[in-house]
Amino acid sequence: MLHKKWVLSVALVASLLFMSGCSSTADPESAPASSSTAQEPGQEEASGPTPDISGVPEIVATVNGEEITKADFTRIYEGQFAQVMQQAQLSGQELDQDQLRKQTTEGLVNTELLIQQASKKKIFATSKDLDKALLDVAKSNDMDSKEFLAAMDGQGVDEDAVRAQLKTQLEVERLISKEVGDFTPSEKDVKAAYEVVKDQYKGKGTAETKAPKVPSYKEIKPELEQQLKLQKEGAAVKEYTAVLRKDAKVEMKM
């Protein structure tokens, strides 16, 4: 099974928009030790809810004349559903699919705005860039480039489609870096986040049971850094796309 790092750029940016302000690591039940139990898209328990795309039109939205199709929506919605469903189960909340469908559509619209803006800013990824990105994502899946392409082909995504998706992803990431900035958290911020994690772990203890063991700072630091970076970046991207949207012609179909 392919690593979760391999996602379409629309899924990448949509996930940034969804998770802004979230703090998964602060909860011991969703800390690194439990990440291996996360469900992949399409692996929901048979007895649980399934992605509901009934009523989704063939054209979900248009952005400056560019269409976002039902196929685009379905691919992203099904991937987000598994992640959000797990988070809802951990928190004991009920998943609101109407809200998730709305978030997915908004994420797709904002991503299309970023794609168009990257083109306007003449931000382009070269063949050399794509070769390196392909190698990187293959390595993240413990494969070489040929093995990765073969695996993707087995899932119905040929090499041209893989390279096209990588190109879009690279260009959007570069636009965000250029226009929004770098959000590498400071050591002070990371340590403050770690203190929150420790408090959360302590709160899990009861009179009958001990609190779970707190991961060491060294163990959890990379995840905390990534989480803080995504939170800050996600908030900044929201602000940036809101500005782009003011001058855009967006028509929502659902």
Protein backbone atom coordinates (compact mmCIF):
# COMPACT_ATOMS: atom_id res chain seq x y z
CA MET A 1 0.00 0.00 0.00
CA LEU A 2 1.34 3.43 -0.90
CA HIS A 3 2.43 5.84 1.78
CA LYS A 4 -0.01 8.61 2.70
CA LYS A 5 2.59 11.18 1.65
CA TRP A 6 1.61 10.50 -1.98
CA VAL A 7 -1.43 12.68 -2.48
CA LEU A 8 -2.69 15.05 -5.14
CA SER A 9 -1.84 18.66 -4.56
CA VAL A 10 -5.53 19.38 -4.03
CA ALA A 11 -5.58 16.87 -1.20
CA LEU A 12 -2.44 18.37 0.27
CA VAL A 13 -3.74 21.92 0.32
CA ALA A 14 -7.24 20.90 1.34
CA SER A 15 -5.78 19.08 4.32
CA LEU A 16 -3.90 22.25 5.28
CA LEU A 17 -7.16 24.16 5.25
CA PHE A 18 -9.01 21.50 7.23
CA MET A 19 -6.43 21.12 9.98
CA SER A 20 -5.77 24.79 10.70
CA GLY A 21 -6.15 25.20 14.42
CA CYS A 22 -6.26 21.48 15.14
CA SER A 23 -3.90 19.86 17.62
CA SER A 24 -3.87 16.11 17.18
CA THR A 25 -0.61 15.52 19.01
CA ALA A 26 -1.94 17.10 22.19
CA ASP A 27 -4.20 14.09 22.65
CA PRO A 28 -2.40 10.97 23.96
CA GLU A 29 -4.87 8.78 22.10
CA SER A 30 -3.79 10.25 18.79
CA ALA A 31 -0.09 10.69 19.52
CA PRO A 32 2.62 8.99 17.40
CA ALA A 33 2.16 5.65 19.10
CA SER A 34 -1.34 5.33 17.66
CA SER A 35 -0.63 6.71 14.20
CA SER A 36 -0.01 3.25 12.82
CA THR A 37 -3.65 2.37 13.38
CA ALA A 38 -4.95 5.15 11.15
CA GLN A 39 -7.27 3.86 8.47
CA GLU A 40 -6.43 4.25 4.82
CA PRO A 41 -9.13 5.63 2.49
CA GLY A 42 -11.75 3.01 1.81
CA GLN A 43 -10.94 0.98 4.95
CA GLU A 44 -13.76 2.17 7.19
CA GLU A 45 -15.27 -0.48 9.39
CA ALA A 46 -18.17 -2.23 7.70
CA SER A 47 -20.53 -1.27 10.52
CA GLY A 48 -19.56 2.41 10.46
CA PRO A 49 -20.59 5.28 8.20
CA THR A 50 -19.36 5.35 4.61
CA PRO A 51 -18.65 8.37 2.38
CA ASP A 52 -21.94 9.78 1.12
CA ILE A 53 -21.62 11.44 -2.30
CA SER A 54 -25.29 11.15 -3.22
CA GLY A 55 -26.57 14.37 -4.70
CA VAL A 56 -23.12 15.61 -5.70
CA PRO A 57 -23.47 17.19 -9.18
CA GLU A 58 -21.16 16.37 -12.09
CA ILE A 59 -19.71 19.88 -11.82
CA VAL A 60 -19.19 20.84 -8.18
CA ALA A 61 -17.92 24.37 -8.80
CA THR A 62 -16.25 26.61 -11.36
CA VAL A 63 -13.32 28.90 -10.61
CA ASN A 64 -12.66 31.57 -13.23
CA GLY A 65 -14.18 29.22 -15.78
CA GLU A 66 -12.23 26.13 -14.65
CA GLU A 67 -14.47 23.25 -13.64
CA ILE A 68 -14.10 21.17 -10.48
CA THR A 69 -15.72 17.85 -11.29
CA LYS A 70 -17.51 15.24 -9.25
CA ALA A 71 -14.53 12.93 -9.85
CA ASP A 72 -12.20 15.55 -8.31
CA PHE A 73 -14.53 15.94 -5.35
CA THR A 74 -15.03 12.21 -4.79
CA ARG A 75 -11.30 11.43 -4.77
CA ILE A 76 -10.59 14.07 -2.14
CA TYR A 77 -13.76 13.51 -0.10
CA GLU A 78 -13.17 9.78 0.28
CA GLY A 79 -9.58 10.38 1.38
CA GLN A 80 -10.59 13.04 3.91
CA PHE A 81 -13.51 10.96 5.17
CA ALA A 82 -11.30 8.20 6.61
CA GLN A 83 -9.13 10.70 8.48
CA VAL A 84 -11.97 12.84 9.81
CA MET A 85 -14.02 9.78 10.75
CA GLN A 86 -11.17 8.49 12.90
CA GLN A 87 -10.77 11.86 14.60
CA ALA A 88 -14.51 11.98 15.30
CA GLN A 89 -14.40 8.51 16.85
CA LEU A 90 -11.47 9.44 19.08
CA SER A 91 -13.24 12.57 20.30
CA GLY A 92 -16.59 10.83 20.70
CA GLN A 93 -18.27 13.21 18.28
CA GLU A 94 -20.58 12.39 15.39
CA LEU A 95 -19.25 13.06 11.90
CA ASP A 96 -21.24 15.71 10.05
CA GLN A 97 -20.98 14.72 6.38
CA ASP A 98 -22.83 17.83 5.21
CA GLN A 99 -20.15 19.95 6.84
CA LEU A 100 -17.36 17.76 5.48
CA ARG A 101 -18.75 17.99 1.94
CA LYS A 102 -18.86 21.77 2.28
CA GLN A 103 -15.27 21.87 3.59
CA THR A 104 -14.11 19.62 0.78
CA THR A 105 -15.69 21.85 -1.85
CA GLU A 106 -14.21 24.98 -0.28
CA GLY A 107 -10.80 23.31 -0.13
CA LEU A 108 -10.99 22.36 -3.80
CA VAL A 109 -11.99 25.88 -4.80
CA ASN A 110 -9.17 27.42 -2.79
CA THR A 111 -6.69 24.96 -4.23
CA GLU A 112 -7.77 25.81 -7.78
CA LEU A 113 -7.24 29.47 -6.95
CA LEU A 114 -3.69 28.64 -5.84
CA ILE A 115 -3.03 26.62 -8.99
CA GLN A 116 -4.19 29.51 -11.16
CA GLN A 117 -2.18 32.01 -9.15
CA ALA A 118 0.98 29.92 -9.52
CA SER A 119 0.51 30.05 -13.28
CA LYS A 120 -0.02 33.83 -13.18
CA LYS A 121 3.18 34.23 -11.16
CA LYS A 122 5.02 32.05 -13.71
CA ILE A 123 5.97 29.50 -11.08
CA PHE A 124 6.85 26.36 -12.98
CA ALA A 125 8.46 23.03 -12.09
CA THR A 126 11.07 21.69 -14.54
CA SER A 127 11.57 18.10 -15.68
CA LYS A 128 14.58 17.93 -13.36
CA ASP A 129 12.40 19.09 -10.46
CA LEU A 130 9.86 16.39 -11.27
CA ASP A 131 12.53 13.68 -11.45
CA LYS A 132 13.73 14.63 -7.96
CA ALA A 133 10.20 14.85 -6.56
CA LEU A 134 9.38 11.46 -8.04
CA LEU A 135 12.47 9.94 -6.47
CA ASP A 136 11.66 11.52 -3.09
CA VAL A 137 8.10 10.23 -3.00
CA ALA A 138 9.26 6.80 -4.17
CA LYS A 139 11.84 6.67 -1.36
CA SER A 140 9.16 7.65 1.16
CA ASN A 141 7.37 4.48 0.08
CA ASP A 142 10.55 2.37 0.25
CA MET A 143 10.67 2.05 -3.54
CA ASP A 144 12.71 3.31 -6.44
CA SER A 145 11.11 5.47 -9.11
CA LYS A 146 10.31 2.57 -11.44
CA GLU A 147 8.71 0.54 -8.67
CA PHE A 148 6.64 3.51 -7.56
CA LEU A 149 5.42 4.24 -11.08
CA ALA A 150 4.53 0.57 -11.51
CA ALA A 151 2.58 0.64 -8.23
CA MET A 152 0.71 3.78 -9.30
CA ASP A 153 -0.02 2.27 -12.70
CA GLY A 154 -1.52 -0.69 -10.88
CA GLN A 155 -3.90 1.78 -9.22
CA GLY A 156 -4.90 3.22 -12.57
CA VAL A 157 -2.58 6.27 -12.53
CA ASP A 158 -0.07 6.23 -15.37
CA GLU A 159 3.30 8.00 -15.44
CA ASP A 160 2.00 11.06 -17.28
CA ALA A 161 -0.68 11.54 -14.62
CA VAL A 162 1.83 11.05 -11.80
CA ARG A 163 4.18 13.65 -13.23
CA ALA A 164 1.31 16.06 -13.88
CA GLN A 165 0.15 15.75 -10.28
CA LEU A 166 3.68 16.22 -8.97
CA LYS A 167 4.11 19.29 -11.16
CA THR A 168 0.96 20.87 -9.78
CA GLN A 169 1.94 20.01 -6.22
CA LEU A 170 5.43 21.48 -6.55
CA GLU A 171 4.15 24.67 -8.13
CA VAL A 172 1.49 25.21 -5.47
CA GLU A 173 4.00 24.55 -2.67
CA ARG A 174 6.42 27.06 -4.20
CA LEU A 175 3.67 29.65 -4.53
CA ILE A 176 2.76 29.21 -0.86
CA SER A 177 6.41 29.48 0.16
CA LYS A 178 6.90 32.62 -1.92
CA GLU A 179 3.66 34.41 -1.14
CA VAL A 180 2.86 33.21 2.37
CA GLY A 181 6.33 32.60 3.80
CA ASP A 182 8.21 30.11 5.93
CA PHE A 183 6.56 28.92 9.12
CA THR A 184 9.32 26.90 10.75
CA PRO A 185 8.45 27.00 14.47
CA SER A 186 10.95 28.24 17.04
CA GLU A 187 12.39 25.99 19.72
CA LYS A 188 10.39 28.00 22.25
CA ASP A 189 7.14 27.26 20.42
CA VAL A 190 7.92 23.55 20.16
CA LYS A 191 8.77 23.28 23.85
CA ALA A 192 5.56 25.10 24.75
CA ALA A 193 3.61 22.61 22.66
CA TYR A 194 5.39 19.76 24.43
CA GLU A 195 4.27 21.12 27.81
CA VAL A 196 0.68 20.99 26.52
CA VAL A 197 1.21 17.37 25.50
CA LYS A 198 2.53 16.48 28.96
CA ASP A 199 -0.48 18.08 30.61
CA GLN A 200 -2.81 16.15 28.32
CA TYR A 201 -1.13 12.87 29.25
CA LYS A 202 -1.35 13.65 32.96
CA GLY A 203 -5.05 14.34 32.56
CA LYS A 204 -5.61 10.80 31.30
CA GLY A 205 -4.75 9.30 34.68
CA THR A 206 -7.44 8.29 37.19
CA ALA A 207 -7.53 7.11 40.78
CA GLU A 208 -7.47 3.52 39.51
CA THR A 209 -5.09 3.82 36.59
CA LYS A 210 -1.84 5.60 35.93
CA ALA A 211 -1.54 8.18 33.21
CA PRO A 212 0.08 6.84 30.03
CA LYS A 213 3.80 7.39 29.66
CA VAL A 214 4.66 10.72 28.06
CA PRO A 215 6.87 10.43 24.96
CA SER A 216 10.24 12.08 25.38
CA TYR A 217 10.75 15.52 23.86
CA LYS A 218 13.23 14.04 21.38
CA GLU A 219 10.72 11.41 20.25
CA ILE A 220 7.82 13.76 19.70
CA LYS A 221 9.67 16.89 18.58
CA PRO A 222 9.52 16.18 14.80
CA GLU A 223 5.75 15.66 14.93
CA LEU A 224 5.25 18.76 17.06
CA GLU A 225 7.31 20.82 14.61
CA GLN A 226 5.31 19.54 11.67
CA GLN A 227 2.02 20.12 13.44
CA LEU A 228 2.89 23.71 14.39
CA LYS A 229 4.15 24.44 10.89
CA LEU A 230 0.96 23.14 9.30
CA GLN A 231 -1.25 25.06 11.71
CA LYS A 232 0.46 28.37 11.01
CA GLU A 233 0.77 27.72 7.30
CA GLY A 234 -2.85 26.61 7.09
CA ALA A 235 -4.08 29.82 8.71
CA ALA A 236 -1.91 31.94 6.41
CA VAL A 237 -3.06 30.06 3.31
CA LYS A 238 -6.68 30.66 4.31
CA GLU A 239 -6.02 34.40 4.49
CA TYR A 240 -4.17 34.38 1.18
CA THR A 241 -6.88 32.46 -0.67
CA ALA A 242 -9.52 34.77 0.80
CA VAL A 243 -7.72 37.67 -0.90
CA LEU A 244 -7.52 35.76 -4.20
CA ARG A 245 -11.19 34.89 -3.97
CA LYS A 246 -12.26 38.54 -3.82
CA ASP A 247 -11.11 39.04 -7.40
CA ALA A 248 -12.15 35.60 -8.65
CA LYS A 249 -15.34 34.43 -10.31
CA VAL A 250 -16.42 31.43 -8.25
CA GLU A 251 -19.68 29.59 -8.83
CA MET A 252 -20.68 26.90 -6.36
CA LYS A 253 -22.92 24.15 -7.75
CA MET A 254 -23.69 22.39 -4.46
